PDB file of N, CA and C in Angstrom:
ATOM      1  N   UNK A   1     -18.279 -29.320 -72.292  1.00  0.00           N
ATOM      2  CA  UNK A   1     -19.138 -29.765 -71.221  1.00  0.00           C
ATOM      3  C   UNK A   1     -19.650 -31.173 -71.508  1.00  0.00           C
ATOM      4  N   UNK A   2     -20.008 -31.397 -72.744  1.00  0.00           N
ATOM      5  CA  UNK A   2     -20.509 -32.715 -73.112  1.00  0.00           C
ATOM      6  C   UNK A   2     -19.442 -33.783 -72.933  1.00  0.00           C
ATOM      7  N   UNK A   3     -18.229 -33.477 -73.360  1.00  0.00           N
ATOM      8  CA  UNK A   3     -17.146 -34.443 -73.230  1.00  0.00           C
ATOM      9  C   UNK A   3     -16.853 -34.746 -71.757  1.00  0.00           C
ATOM     10  N   UNK A   4     -16.909 -33.736 -70.909  1.00  0.00           N
ATOM     11  CA  UNK A   4     -16.688 -33.943 -69.477  1.00  0.00           C
ATOM     12  C   UNK A   4     -17.790 -34.816 -68.882  1.00  0.00           C
ATOM     13  N   UNK A   5     -19.021 -34.578 -69.263  1.00  0.00           N
ATOM     14  CA  UNK A   5     -20.127 -35.385 -68.749  1.00  0.00           C
ATOM     15  C   UNK A   5     -20.026 -36.835 -69.219  1.00  0.00           C
ATOM     16  N   UNK A   6     -19.650 -37.031 -70.466  1.00  0.00           N
ATOM     17  CA  UNK A   6     -19.511 -38.392 -70.987  1.00  0.00           C
ATOM     18  C   UNK A   6     -18.360 -39.115 -70.280  1.00  0.00           C
ATOM     19  N   UNK A   7     -17.282 -38.394 -70.004  1.00  0.00           N
ATOM     20  CA  UNK A   7     -16.167 -38.999 -69.283  1.00  0.00           C
ATOM     21  C   UNK A   7     -16.571 -39.367 -67.866  1.00  0.00           C
ATOM     22  N   UNK A   8     -17.272 -38.471 -67.181  1.00  0.00           N
ATOM     23  CA  UNK A   8     -17.734 -38.782 -65.829  1.00  0.00           C
ATOM     24  C   UNK A   8     -18.696 -39.965 -65.811  1.00  0.00           C
ATOM     25  N   UNK A   9     -19.467 -40.117 -66.878  1.00  0.00           N
ATOM     26  CA  UNK A   9     -20.402 -41.236 -66.961  1.00  0.00           C
ATOM     27  C   UNK A   9     -19.666 -42.557 -67.152  1.00  0.00           C
ATOM     28  N   UNK A  10     -18.442 -42.526 -67.646  1.00  0.00           N
ATOM     29  CA  UNK A  10     -17.663 -43.736 -67.808  1.00  0.00           C
ATOM     30  C   UNK A  10     -17.796 -44.376 -69.165  1.00  0.00           C
ATOM     31  N   UNK A  11     -17.968 -43.592 -70.196  1.00  0.00           N
ATOM     32  CA  UNK A  11     -18.090 -44.104 -71.552  1.00  0.00           C
ATOM     33  C   UNK A  11     -16.683 -44.271 -72.136  1.00  0.00           C
ATOM     34  N   UNK A  12     -16.358 -45.465 -72.717  1.00  0.00           N
ATOM     35  CA  UNK A  12     -15.025 -45.640 -73.300  1.00  0.00           C
ATOM     36  C   UNK A  12     -14.873 -44.769 -74.538  1.00  0.00           C
ATOM     37  N   UNK A  13     -13.722 -44.332 -74.882  1.00  0.00           N
ATOM     38  CA  UNK A  13     -12.371 -44.572 -74.394  1.00  0.00           C
ATOM     39  C   UNK A  13     -11.877 -43.447 -73.481  1.00  0.00           C
ATOM     40  N   UNK A  14     -12.742 -42.767 -72.801  1.00  0.00           N
ATOM     41  CA  UNK A  14     -12.348 -41.612 -71.991  1.00  0.00           C
ATOM     42  C   UNK A  14     -11.815 -42.044 -70.623  1.00  0.00           C
ATOM     43  N   UNK A  15     -11.211 -41.111 -69.914  1.00  0.00           N
ATOM     44  CA  UNK A  15     -10.532 -41.408 -68.649  1.00  0.00           C
ATOM     45  C   UNK A  15     -11.496 -41.929 -67.587  1.00  0.00           C
ATOM     46  N   UNK A  16     -12.719 -41.438 -67.582  1.00  0.00           N
ATOM     47  CA  UNK A  16     -13.689 -41.910 -66.591  1.00  0.00           C
ATOM     48  C   UNK A  16     -13.955 -43.394 -66.714  1.00  0.00           C
ATOM     49  N   UNK A  17     -13.972 -43.900 -67.933  1.00  0.00           N
ATOM     50  CA  UNK A  17     -14.167 -45.335 -68.148  1.00  0.00           C
ATOM     51  C   UNK A  17     -13.013 -46.125 -67.554  1.00  0.00           C
ATOM     52  N   UNK A  18     -11.794 -45.702 -67.835  1.00  0.00           N
ATOM     53  CA  UNK A  18     -10.637 -46.454 -67.352  1.00  0.00           C
ATOM     54  C   UNK A  18     -10.541 -46.407 -65.828  1.00  0.00           C
ATOM     55  N   UNK A  19     -10.883 -45.277 -65.248  1.00  0.00           N
ATOM     56  CA  UNK A  19     -10.886 -45.183 -63.792  1.00  0.00           C
ATOM     57  C   UNK A  19     -11.882 -46.143 -63.171  1.00  0.00           C
ATOM     58  N   UNK A  20     -13.081 -46.174 -63.699  1.00  0.00           N
ATOM     59  CA  UNK A  20     -14.099 -47.079 -63.168  1.00  0.00           C
ATOM     60  C   UNK A  20     -13.743 -48.533 -63.449  1.00  0.00           C
ATOM     61  N   UNK A  21     -13.227 -48.803 -64.639  1.00  0.00           N
ATOM     62  CA  UNK A  21     -12.848 -50.166 -64.981  1.00  0.00           C
ATOM     63  C   UNK A  21     -11.776 -50.701 -64.032  1.00  0.00           C
ATOM     64  N   UNK A  22     -10.737 -49.914 -63.792  1.00  0.00           N
ATOM     65  CA  UNK A  22      -9.657 -50.361 -62.902  1.00  0.00           C
ATOM     66  C   UNK A  22     -10.146 -50.513 -61.467  1.00  0.00           C
ATOM     67  N   UNK A  23     -11.058 -49.660 -61.041  1.00  0.00           N
ATOM     68  CA  UNK A  23     -11.614 -49.777 -59.701  1.00  0.00           C
ATOM     69  C   UNK A  23     -12.438 -51.049 -59.567  1.00  0.00           C
ATOM     70  N   UNK A  24     -13.293 -51.321 -60.529  1.00  0.00           N
ATOM     71  CA  UNK A  24     -14.095 -52.547 -60.493  1.00  0.00           C
ATOM     72  C   UNK A  24     -13.203 -53.781 -60.561  1.00  0.00           C
ATOM     73  N   UNK A  25     -12.180 -53.729 -61.397  1.00  0.00           N
ATOM     74  CA  UNK A  25     -11.259 -54.857 -61.534  1.00  0.00           C
ATOM     75  C   UNK A  25     -10.553 -55.142 -60.206  1.00  0.00           C
ATOM     76  N   UNK A  26     -10.094 -54.082 -59.520  1.00  0.00           N
ATOM     77  CA  UNK A  26      -9.403 -54.265 -58.246  1.00  0.00           C
ATOM     78  C   UNK A  26     -10.332 -54.837 -57.182  1.00  0.00           C
ATOM     79  N   UNK A  27     -11.583 -54.413 -57.164  1.00  0.00           N
ATOM     80  CA  UNK A  27     -12.520 -54.925 -56.175  1.00  0.00           C
ATOM     81  C   UNK A  27     -12.842 -56.386 -56.454  1.00  0.00           C
ATOM     82  N   UNK A  28     -13.030 -56.748 -57.707  1.00  0.00           N
ATOM     83  CA  UNK A  28     -13.349 -58.131 -58.056  1.00  0.00           C
ATOM     84  C   UNK A  28     -12.171 -59.052 -57.750  1.00  0.00           C
ATOM     85  N   UNK A  29     -10.942 -58.577 -57.924  1.00  0.00           N
ATOM     86  CA  UNK A  29      -9.763 -59.389 -57.634  1.00  0.00           C
ATOM     87  C   UNK A  29      -9.598 -59.671 -56.146  1.00  0.00           C
ATOM     88  N   UNK A  30     -10.273 -58.921 -55.292  1.00  0.00           N
ATOM     89  CA  UNK A  30     -10.167 -59.147 -53.853  1.00  0.00           C
ATOM     90  C   UNK A  30     -10.918 -60.395 -53.398  1.00  0.00           C
ATOM     91  N   UNK A  31     -11.780 -60.913 -54.232  1.00  0.00           N
ATOM     92  CA  UNK A  31     -12.475 -62.142 -53.875  1.00  0.00           C
ATOM     93  C   UNK A  31     -13.978 -61.966 -53.878  1.00  0.00           C
ATOM     94  N   UNK A  32     -14.664 -63.069 -53.628  1.00  0.00           N
ATOM     95  CA  UNK A  32     -16.123 -63.080 -53.712  1.00  0.00           C
ATOM     96  C   UNK A  32     -16.786 -62.275 -52.607  1.00  0.00           C
ATOM     97  N   UNK A  33     -16.076 -61.973 -51.545  1.00  0.00           N
ATOM     98  CA  UNK A  33     -16.673 -61.221 -50.439  1.00  0.00           C
ATOM     99  C   UNK A  33     -17.043 -59.799 -50.847  1.00  0.00           C
ATOM    100  N   UNK A  34     -16.426 -59.281 -51.906  1.00  0.00           N
ATOM    101  CA  UNK A  34     -16.665 -57.896 -52.317  1.00  0.00           C
ATOM    102  C   UNK A  34     -17.492 -57.764 -53.595  1.00  0.00           C
ATOM    103  N   UNK A  35     -18.067 -58.858 -54.069  1.00  0.00           N
ATOM    104  CA  UNK A  35     -18.906 -58.781 -55.270  1.00  0.00           C
ATOM    105  C   UNK A  35     -20.106 -57.870 -55.059  1.00  0.00           C
ATOM    106  N   UNK A  36     -20.630 -57.856 -53.843  1.00  0.00           N
ATOM    107  CA  UNK A  36     -21.788 -56.995 -53.573  1.00  0.00           C
ATOM    108  C   UNK A  36     -21.408 -55.526 -53.736  1.00  0.00           C
ATOM    109  N   UNK A  37     -20.168 -55.198 -53.373  1.00  0.00           N
ATOM    110  CA  UNK A  37     -19.702 -53.818 -53.500  1.00  0.00           C
ATOM    111  C   UNK A  37     -19.617 -53.412 -54.975  1.00  0.00           C
ATOM    112  N   UNK A  38     -19.173 -54.328 -55.810  1.00  0.00           N
ATOM    113  CA  UNK A  38     -19.131 -54.067 -57.249  1.00  0.00           C
ATOM    114  C   UNK A  38     -20.537 -53.846 -57.789  1.00  0.00           C
ATOM    115  N   UNK A  39     -21.491 -54.644 -57.310  1.00  0.00           N
ATOM    116  CA  UNK A  39     -22.881 -54.483 -57.748  1.00  0.00           C
ATOM    117  C   UNK A  39     -23.447 -53.123 -57.364  1.00  0.00           C
ATOM    118  N   UNK A  40     -23.164 -52.686 -56.138  1.00  0.00           N
ATOM    119  CA  UNK A  40     -23.628 -51.364 -55.695  1.00  0.00           C
ATOM    120  C   UNK A  40     -22.996 -50.268 -56.551  1.00  0.00           C
ATOM    121  N   UNK A  41     -21.715 -50.414 -56.874  1.00  0.00           N
ATOM    122  CA  UNK A  41     -21.033 -49.412 -57.696  1.00  0.00           C
ATOM    123  C   UNK A  41     -21.610 -49.377 -59.108  1.00  0.00           C
ATOM    124  N   UNK A  42     -21.957 -50.538 -59.655  1.00  0.00           N
ATOM    125  CA  UNK A  42     -22.536 -50.566 -61.001  1.00  0.00           C
ATOM    126  C   UNK A  42     -23.911 -49.912 -61.009  1.00  0.00           C
ATOM    127  N   UNK A  43     -24.691 -50.138 -59.959  1.00  0.00           N
ATOM    128  CA  UNK A  43     -25.992 -49.448 -59.854  1.00  0.00           C
ATOM    129  C   UNK A  43     -25.764 -47.932 -59.800  1.00  0.00           C
ATOM    130  N   UNK A  44     -24.742 -47.488 -59.076  1.00  0.00           N
ATOM    131  CA  UNK A  44     -24.409 -46.064 -59.029  1.00  0.00           C
ATOM    132  C   UNK A  44     -24.007 -45.521 -60.389  1.00  0.00           C
ATOM    133  N   UNK A  45     -23.298 -46.317 -61.168  1.00  0.00           N
ATOM    134  CA  UNK A  45     -22.898 -45.898 -62.515  1.00  0.00           C
ATOM    135  C   UNK A  45     -24.127 -45.727 -63.397  1.00  0.00           C
ATOM    136  N   UNK A  46     -25.071 -46.661 -63.298  1.00  0.00           N
ATOM    137  CA  UNK A  46     -26.287 -46.561 -64.106  1.00  0.00           C
ATOM    138  C   UNK A  46     -27.088 -45.316 -63.732  1.00  0.00           C
ATOM    139  N   UNK A  47     -27.190 -45.046 -62.435  1.00  0.00           N
ATOM    140  CA  UNK A  47     -27.897 -43.834 -61.986  1.00  0.00           C
ATOM    141  C   UNK A  47     -27.175 -42.586 -62.495  1.00  0.00           C
ATOM    142  N   UNK A  48     -25.852 -42.591 -62.443  1.00  0.00           N
ATOM    143  CA  UNK A  48     -25.098 -41.415 -62.915  1.00  0.00           C
ATOM    144  C   UNK A  48     -25.236 -41.242 -64.425  1.00  0.00           C
ATOM    145  N   UNK A  49     -25.331 -42.334 -65.170  1.00  0.00           N
ATOM    146  CA  UNK A  49     -25.569 -42.222 -66.616  1.00  0.00           C
ATOM    147  C   UNK A  49     -26.851 -41.457 -66.899  1.00  0.00           C
ATOM    148  N   UNK A  50     -27.895 -41.800 -66.175  1.00  0.00           N
ATOM    149  CA  UNK A  50     -29.177 -41.112 -66.368  1.00  0.00           C
ATOM    150  C   UNK A  50     -29.033 -39.621 -66.047  1.00  0.00           C
ATOM    151  N   UNK A  51     -28.354 -39.305 -64.950  1.00  0.00           N
ATOM    152  CA  UNK A  51     -28.195 -37.911 -64.537  1.00  0.00           C
ATOM    153  C   UNK A  51     -27.341 -37.134 -65.548  1.00  0.00           C
ATOM    154  N   UNK A  52     -26.171 -37.673 -65.923  1.00  0.00           N
ATOM    155  CA  UNK A  52     -25.269 -36.960 -66.820  1.00  0.00           C
ATOM    156  C   UNK A  52     -25.891 -36.738 -68.193  1.00  0.00           C
ATOM    157  N   UNK A  53     -26.582 -37.748 -68.704  1.00  0.00           N
ATOM    158  CA  UNK A  53     -27.207 -37.555 -70.016  1.00  0.00           C
ATOM    159  C   UNK A  53     -28.420 -36.637 -69.929  1.00  0.00           C
ATOM    160  N   UNK A  54     -28.998 -36.516 -68.734  1.00  0.00           N
ATOM    161  CA  UNK A  54     -30.038 -35.514 -68.536  1.00  0.00           C
ATOM    162  C   UNK A  54     -29.488 -34.103 -68.665  1.00  0.00           C
ATOM    163  N   UNK A  55     -28.283 -33.893 -68.159  1.00  0.00           N
ATOM    164  CA  UNK A  55     -27.631 -32.583 -68.287  1.00  0.00           C
ATOM    165  C   UNK A  55     -27.325 -32.298 -69.757  1.00  0.00           C
ATOM    166  N   UNK A  56     -26.807 -33.294 -70.467  1.00  0.00           N
ATOM    167  CA  UNK A  56     -26.516 -33.110 -71.894  1.00  0.00           C
ATOM    168  C   UNK A  56     -27.801 -32.826 -72.667  1.00  0.00           C
ATOM    169  N   UNK A  57     -28.863 -33.534 -72.325  1.00  0.00           N
ATOM    170  CA  UNK A  57     -30.157 -33.307 -72.984  1.00  0.00           C
ATOM    171  C   UNK A  57     -30.641 -31.879 -72.722  1.00  0.00           C
ATOM    172  N   UNK A  58     -30.449 -31.391 -71.508  1.00  0.00           N
ATOM    173  CA  UNK A  58     -30.867 -30.026 -71.181  1.00  0.00           C
ATOM    174  C   UNK A  58     -30.038 -28.986 -71.931  1.00  0.00           C
ATOM    175  N   UNK A  59     -28.777 -29.301 -72.170  1.00  0.00           N
ATOM    176  CA  UNK A  59     -27.917 -28.358 -72.880  1.00  0.00           C
ATOM    177  C   UNK A  59     -28.334 -28.221 -74.337  1.00  0.00           C
ATOM    178  N   UNK A  60     -28.548 -29.337 -74.998  1.00  0.00           N
ATOM    179  CA  UNK A  60     -28.755 -29.309 -76.446  1.00  0.00           C
ATOM    180  C   UNK A  60     -30.213 -29.318 -76.888  1.00  0.00           C
ATOM    181  N   UNK A  61     -31.085 -29.943 -76.123  1.00  0.00           N
ATOM    182  CA  UNK A  61     -32.454 -30.110 -76.603  1.00  0.00           C
ATOM    183  C   UNK A  61     -33.490 -29.420 -75.723  1.00  0.00           C
ATOM    184  N   UNK A  62     -33.088 -28.434 -74.969  1.00  0.00           N
ATOM    185  CA  UNK A  62     -34.022 -27.703 -74.120  1.00  0.00           C
ATOM    186  C   UNK A  62     -34.897 -26.781 -74.982  1.00  0.00           C
ATOM    187  N   UNK A  63     -36.187 -26.747 -74.676  1.00  0.00           N
ATOM    188  CA  UNK A  63     -37.119 -25.902 -75.422  1.00  0.00           C
ATOM    189  C   UNK A  63     -37.132 -24.471 -74.897  1.00  0.00           C
ATOM    190  N   UNK A  64     -36.672 -24.281 -73.669  1.00  0.00           N
ATOM    191  CA  UNK A  64     -36.682 -22.948 -73.059  1.00  0.00           C
ATOM    192  C   UNK A  64     -35.470 -22.152 -73.535  1.00  0.00           C
ATOM    193  N   UNK A  65     -35.651 -20.872 -73.832  1.00  0.00           N
ATOM    194  CA  UNK A  65     -34.489 -20.051 -74.209  1.00  0.00           C
ATOM    195  C   UNK A  65     -33.593 -19.819 -72.990  1.00  0.00           C
ATOM    196  N   UNK A  66     -32.334 -19.643 -73.246  1.00  0.00           N
ATOM    197  CA  UNK A  66     -31.380 -19.426 -72.163  1.00  0.00           C
ATOM    198  C   UNK A  66     -31.622 -18.071 -71.511  1.00  0.00           C
ATOM    199  N   UNK A  67     -31.533 -18.043 -70.185  1.00  0.00           N
ATOM    200  CA  UNK A  67     -31.678 -16.802 -69.434  1.00  0.00           C
ATOM    201  C   UNK A  67     -30.317 -16.118 -69.378  1.00  0.00           C
ATOM    202  N   UNK A  68     -30.162 -15.016 -70.083  1.00  0.00           N
ATOM    203  CA  UNK A  68     -28.883 -14.321 -70.169  1.00  0.00           C
ATOM    204  C   UNK A  68     -28.826 -13.072 -69.293  1.00  0.00           C
ATOM    205  N   UNK A  69     -29.776 -12.930 -68.375  1.00  0.00           N
ATOM    206  CA  UNK A  69     -29.756 -11.763 -67.492  1.00  0.00           C
ATOM    207  C   UNK A  69     -28.614 -11.901 -66.488  1.00  0.00           C
ATOM    208  N   UNK A  70     -28.003 -10.779 -66.077  1.00  0.00           N
ATOM    209  CA  UNK A  70     -26.885 -10.857 -65.141  1.00  0.00           C
ATOM    210  C   UNK A  70     -27.348 -11.344 -63.771  1.00  0.00           C
ATOM    211  N   UNK A  71     -26.453 -12.051 -63.098  1.00  0.00           N
ATOM    212  CA  UNK A  71     -26.748 -12.573 -61.771  1.00  0.00           C
ATOM    213  C   UNK A  71     -26.467 -11.496 -60.724  1.00  0.00           C
ATOM    214  N   UNK A  72     -27.303 -11.453 -59.710  1.00  0.00           N
ATOM    215  CA  UNK A  72     -27.082 -10.526 -58.604  1.00  0.00           C
ATOM    216  C   UNK A  72     -26.028 -11.117 -57.673  1.00  0.00           C
ATOM    217  N   UNK A  73     -25.015 -10.321 -57.338  1.00  0.00           N
ATOM    218  CA  UNK A  73     -23.939 -10.785 -56.471  1.00  0.00           C
ATOM    219  C   UNK A  73     -24.033 -10.000 -55.168  1.00  0.00           C
ATOM    220  N   UNK A  74     -23.990 -10.720 -54.050  1.00  0.00           N
ATOM    221  CA  UNK A  74     -24.134 -10.074 -52.748  1.00  0.00           C
ATOM    222  C   UNK A  74     -22.837  -9.357 -52.353  1.00  0.00           C
ATOM    223  N   UNK A  75     -22.948  -8.493 -51.365  1.00  0.00           N
ATOM    224  CA  UNK A  75     -21.793  -7.737 -50.865  1.00  0.00           C
ATOM    225  C   UNK A  75     -20.737  -8.671 -50.266  1.00  0.00           C
ATOM    226  N   UNK A  76     -21.121  -9.666 -49.442  1.00  0.00           N
ATOM    227  CA  UNK A  76     -20.079 -10.560 -48.909  1.00  0.00           C
ATOM    228  C   UNK A  76     -19.330 -11.318 -50.000  1.00  0.00           C
ATOM    229  N   UNK A  77     -20.014 -11.712 -51.050  1.00  0.00           N
ATOM    230  CA  UNK A  77     -19.343 -12.418 -52.137  1.00  0.00           C
ATOM    231  C   UNK A  77     -18.392 -11.490 -52.884  1.00  0.00           C
ATOM    232  N   UNK A  78     -18.780 -10.237 -53.064  1.00  0.00           N
ATOM    233  CA  UNK A  78     -17.870  -9.260 -53.677  1.00  0.00           C
ATOM    234  C   UNK A  78     -16.634  -9.062 -52.822  1.00  0.00           C
ATOM    235  N   UNK A  79     -16.824  -8.966 -51.507  1.00  0.00           N
ATOM    236  CA  UNK A  79     -15.694  -8.782 -50.595  1.00  0.00           C
ATOM    237  C   UNK A  79     -14.761  -9.987 -50.631  1.00  0.00           C
ATOM    238  N   UNK A  80     -15.350 -11.174 -50.645  1.00  0.00           N
ATOM    239  CA  UNK A  80     -14.550 -12.388 -50.683  1.00  0.00           C
ATOM    240  C   UNK A  80     -13.752 -12.493 -51.982  1.00  0.00           C
ATOM    241  N   UNK A  81     -14.388 -12.192 -53.095  1.00  0.00           N
ATOM    242  CA  UNK A  81     -13.670 -12.268 -54.371  1.00  0.00           C
ATOM    243  C   UNK A  81     -12.566 -11.207 -54.428  1.00  0.00           C
ATOM    244  N   UNK A  82     -12.801 -10.050 -53.866  1.00  0.00           N
ATOM    245  CA  UNK A  82     -11.753  -9.032 -53.817  1.00  0.00           C
ATOM    246  C   UNK A  82     -10.576  -9.467 -52.962  1.00  0.00           C
ATOM    247  N   UNK A  83     -10.858 -10.115 -51.823  1.00  0.00           N
ATOM    248  CA  UNK A  83      -9.778 -10.601 -50.959  1.00  0.00           C
ATOM    249  C   UNK A  83      -8.978 -11.706 -51.636  1.00  0.00           C
ATOM    250  N   UNK A  84      -9.651 -12.583 -52.338  1.00  0.00           N
ATOM    251  CA  UNK A  84      -8.958 -13.662 -53.047  1.00  0.00           C
ATOM    252  C   UNK A  84      -8.063 -13.082 -54.141  1.00  0.00           C
ATOM    253  N   UNK A  85      -8.564 -12.142 -54.900  1.00  0.00           N
ATOM    254  CA  UNK A  85      -7.753 -11.523 -55.948  1.00  0.00           C
ATOM    255  C   UNK A  85      -6.568 -10.765 -55.358  1.00  0.00           C
ATOM    256  N   UNK A  86      -6.791 -10.071 -54.261  1.00  0.00           N
ATOM    257  CA  UNK A  86      -5.712  -9.318 -53.625  1.00  0.00           C
ATOM    258  C   UNK A  86      -4.606 -10.253 -53.161  1.00  0.00           C
ATOM    259  N   UNK A  87      -4.972 -11.391 -52.574  1.00  0.00           N
ATOM    260  CA  UNK A  87      -3.970 -12.324 -52.066  1.00  0.00           C
ATOM    261  C   UNK A  87      -3.303 -13.114 -53.179  1.00  0.00           C
ATOM    262  N   UNK A  88      -3.969 -13.268 -54.306  1.00  0.00           N
ATOM    263  CA  UNK A  88      -3.418 -14.067 -55.395  1.00  0.00           C
ATOM    264  C   UNK A  88      -2.418 -13.295 -56.237  1.00  0.00           C
ATOM    265  N   UNK A  89      -2.525 -11.986 -56.252  1.00  0.00           N
ATOM    266  CA  UNK A  89      -1.629 -11.182 -57.080  1.00  0.00           C
ATOM    267  C   UNK A  89      -0.240 -11.115 -56.460  1.00  0.00           C
ATOM    268  N   UNK A  90       0.806 -11.260 -57.246  1.00  0.00           N
ATOM    269  CA  UNK A  90       2.155 -11.179 -56.694  1.00  0.00           C
ATOM    270  C   UNK A  90       2.449  -9.766 -56.197  1.00  0.00           C
ATOM    271  N   UNK A  91       3.145  -9.689 -55.087  1.00  0.00           N
ATOM    272  CA  UNK A  91       3.493  -8.395 -54.526  1.00  0.00           C
ATOM    273  C   UNK A  91       2.300  -7.683 -53.916  1.00  0.00           C
ATOM    274  N   UNK A  92       1.321  -8.451 -53.479  1.00  0.00           N
ATOM    275  CA  UNK A  92       0.113  -7.829 -52.946  1.00  0.00           C
ATOM    276  C   UNK A  92       0.362  -7.249 -51.560  1.00  0.00           C
ATOM    277  N   UNK A  93      -0.598  -6.512 -51.090  1.00  0.00           N
ATOM    278  CA  UNK A  93      -0.485  -5.865 -49.792  1.00  0.00           C
ATOM    279  C   UNK A  93      -0.467  -6.865 -48.646  1.00  0.00           C
ATOM    280  N   UNK A  94      -1.024  -8.043 -48.858  1.00  0.00           N
ATOM    281  CA  UNK A  94      -1.108  -9.011 -47.770  1.00  0.00           C
ATOM    282  C   UNK A  94       0.217  -9.723 -47.528  1.00  0.00           C
ATOM    283  N   UNK A  95       1.172  -9.613 -48.442  1.00  0.00           N
ATOM    284  CA  UNK A  95       2.460 -10.271 -48.266  1.00  0.00           C
ATOM    285  C   UNK A  95       3.454  -9.250 -47.728  1.00  0.00           C
ATOM    286  N   UNK A  96       3.597  -9.214 -46.425  1.00  0.00           N
ATOM    287  CA  UNK A  96       4.475  -8.249 -45.797  1.00  0.00           C
ATOM    288  C   UNK A  96       5.922  -8.673 -45.968  1.00  0.00           C
ATOM    289  N   UNK A  97       6.742  -7.778 -46.461  1.00  0.00           N
ATOM    290  CA  UNK A  97       8.153  -8.067 -46.666  1.00  0.00           C
ATOM    291  C   UNK A  97       8.922  -7.684 -45.387  1.00  0.00           C
ATOM    292  N   UNK A  98       9.907  -8.497 -45.004  1.00  0.00           N
ATOM    293  CA  UNK A  98      10.677  -8.163 -43.804  1.00  0.00           C
ATOM    294  C   UNK A  98      11.533  -6.916 -44.024  1.00  0.00           C
ATOM    295  N   UNK A  99      11.647  -6.125 -42.995  1.00  0.00           N
ATOM    296  CA  UNK A  99      12.479  -4.923 -43.043  1.00  0.00           C
ATOM    297  C   UNK A  99      13.945  -5.326 -42.932  1.00  0.00           C
ATOM    298  N   UNK A 100      14.856  -4.381 -43.180  1.00  0.00           N
ATOM    299  CA  UNK A 100      16.284  -4.658 -43.041  1.00  0.00           C
ATOM    300  C   UNK A 100      16.588  -5.087 -41.618  1.00  0.00           C
ATOM    301  N   UNK A 101      17.308  -6.170 -41.482  1.00  0.00           N
ATOM    302  CA  UNK A 101      17.683  -6.653 -40.162  1.00  0.00           C
ATOM    303  C   UNK A 101      16.623  -7.546 -39.526  1.00  0.00           C
ATOM    304  N   UNK A 102      15.417  -7.532 -40.012  1.00  0.00           N
ATOM    305  CA  UNK A 102      14.368  -8.369 -39.435  1.00  0.00           C
ATOM    306  C   UNK A 102      14.504  -9.786 -39.998  1.00  0.00           C
ATOM    307  N   UNK A 103      14.360 -10.762 -39.130  1.00  0.00           N
ATOM    308  CA  UNK A 103      14.505 -12.143 -39.563  1.00  0.00           C
ATOM    309  C   UNK A 103      13.258 -12.612 -40.272  1.00  0.00           C
ATOM    310  N   UNK A 104      13.453 -13.421 -41.323  1.00  0.00           N
ATOM    311  CA  UNK A 104      12.339 -13.947 -42.100  1.00  0.00           C
ATOM    312  C   UNK A 104      11.634 -15.080 -41.372  1.00  0.00           C
ATOM    313  N   UNK A 105      12.382 -15.916 -40.688  1.00  0.00           N
ATOM    314  CA  UNK A 105      11.775 -17.094 -40.092  1.00  0.00           C
ATOM    315  C   UNK A 105      12.528 -17.460 -38.827  1.00  0.00           C
ATOM    316  N   UNK A 106      11.876 -18.102 -37.912  1.00  0.00           N
ATOM    317  CA  UNK A 106      12.482 -18.481 -36.651  1.00  0.00           C
ATOM    318  C   UNK A 106      13.636 -19.461 -36.856  1.00  0.00           C
ATOM    319  N   UNK A 107      13.559 -20.326 -37.845  1.00  0.00           N
ATOM    320  CA  UNK A 107      14.624 -21.311 -38.052  1.00  0.00           C
ATOM    321  C   UNK A 107      15.945 -20.627 -38.394  1.00  0.00           C
ATOM    322  N   UNK A 108      15.891 -19.476 -39.057  1.00  0.00           N
ATOM    323  CA  UNK A 108      17.113 -18.740 -39.365  1.00  0.00           C
ATOM    324  C   UNK A 108      17.749 -18.266 -38.067  1.00  0.00           C
ATOM    325  N   UNK A 109      16.939 -17.796 -37.141  1.00  0.00           N
ATOM    326  CA  UNK A 109      17.441 -17.333 -35.846  1.00  0.00           C
ATOM    327  C   UNK A 109      18.069 -18.476 -35.069  1.00  0.00           C
ATOM    328  N   UNK A 110      17.455 -19.633 -35.091  1.00  0.00           N
ATOM    329  CA  UNK A 110      17.976 -20.784 -34.359  1.00  0.00           C
ATOM    330  C   UNK A 110      19.300 -21.236 -34.962  1.00  0.00           C
ATOM    331  N   UNK A 111      19.360 -21.279 -36.300  1.00  0.00           N
ATOM    332  CA  UNK A 111      20.608 -21.683 -36.940  1.00  0.00           C
ATOM    333  C   UNK A 111      21.737 -20.709 -36.615  1.00  0.00           C
ATOM    334  N   UNK A 112      21.435 -19.414 -36.594  1.00  0.00           N
ATOM    335  CA  UNK A 112      22.472 -18.420 -36.298  1.00  0.00           C
ATOM    336  C   UNK A 112      22.954 -18.574 -34.859  1.00  0.00           C
ATOM    337  N   UNK A 113      22.025 -18.819 -33.935  1.00  0.00           N
ATOM    338  CA  UNK A 113      22.401 -19.019 -32.543  1.00  0.00           C
ATOM    339  C   UNK A 113      23.287 -20.259 -32.401  1.00  0.00           C
ATOM    340  N   UNK A 114      22.949 -21.292 -33.154  1.00  0.00           N
ATOM    341  CA  UNK A 114      23.713 -22.532 -33.091  1.00  0.00           C
ATOM    342  C   UNK A 114      25.129 -22.358 -33.599  1.00  0.00           C
ATOM    343  N   UNK A 115      25.286 -21.565 -34.655  1.00  0.00           N
ATOM    344  CA  UNK A 115      26.616 -21.319 -35.198  1.00  0.00           C
ATOM    345  C   UNK A 115      27.479 -20.527 -34.213  1.00  0.00           C
ATOM    346  N   UNK A 116      26.865 -19.525 -33.585  1.00  0.00           N
ATOM    347  CA  UNK A 116      27.613 -18.715 -32.624  1.00  0.00           C
ATOM    348  C   UNK A 116      28.072 -19.566 -31.454  1.00  0.00           C
ATOM    349  N   UNK A 117      27.182 -20.437 -31.002  1.00  0.00           N
ATOM    350  CA  UNK A 117      27.547 -21.289 -29.868  1.00  0.00           C
ATOM    351  C   UNK A 117      28.658 -22.250 -30.228  1.00  0.00           C
ATOM    352  N   UNK A 118      28.699 -22.738 -31.454  1.00  0.00           N
ATOM    353  CA  UNK A 118      29.726 -23.681 -31.863  1.00  0.00           C
ATOM    354  C   UNK A 118      31.074 -22.992 -32.059  1.00  0.00           C
ATOM    355  N   UNK A 119      31.035 -21.697 -32.453  1.00  0.00           N
ATOM    356  CA  UNK A 119      32.284 -20.990 -32.732  1.00  0.00           C
ATOM    357  C   UNK A 119      32.965 -20.505 -31.450  1.00  0.00           C
ATOM    358  N   UNK A 120      32.208 -20.225 -30.383  1.00  0.00           N
ATOM    359  CA  UNK A 120      32.805 -19.624 -29.181  1.00  0.00           C
ATOM    360  C   UNK A 120      33.330 -20.649 -28.282  1.00  0.00           C
TER     361      UNK A 120
END
C-alpha cells in the first residue's frame, strides 16, 4: 500500500513519477501558452502529496487500534456478488449453450444462405 501511494504521489524512480514527468514535459513543449496548465498540475501534485502521505501516516503511525469487527453486508450487495460470481464461473447457468441444429449466431445463418444462393 505504501509503495502504491508513493508511486501515485510521483516520487522517483517509480512509474507515477515518470508518468507525471512525461506529461509535464509534453505540455511544456507545446509552448508558452500552456505554462499555466503545468502550474495548475504541479499545484495538484503538491496537494496529492499531502493527501497520499496522510494515508501512509494513518497506516503506520495511527494511535487508534484497528477495528477488526466484521462489516455488515446488505442483501442487495450479497445478491450482486452472487450474480457476479455465477457469471464469472466457466460453464455457469447464465451461459446458455445452443441445442443441436440451433444456430449460434446470425452471421452463420447469413453465410449459409449466401453459399446456397451461389451454388444454385
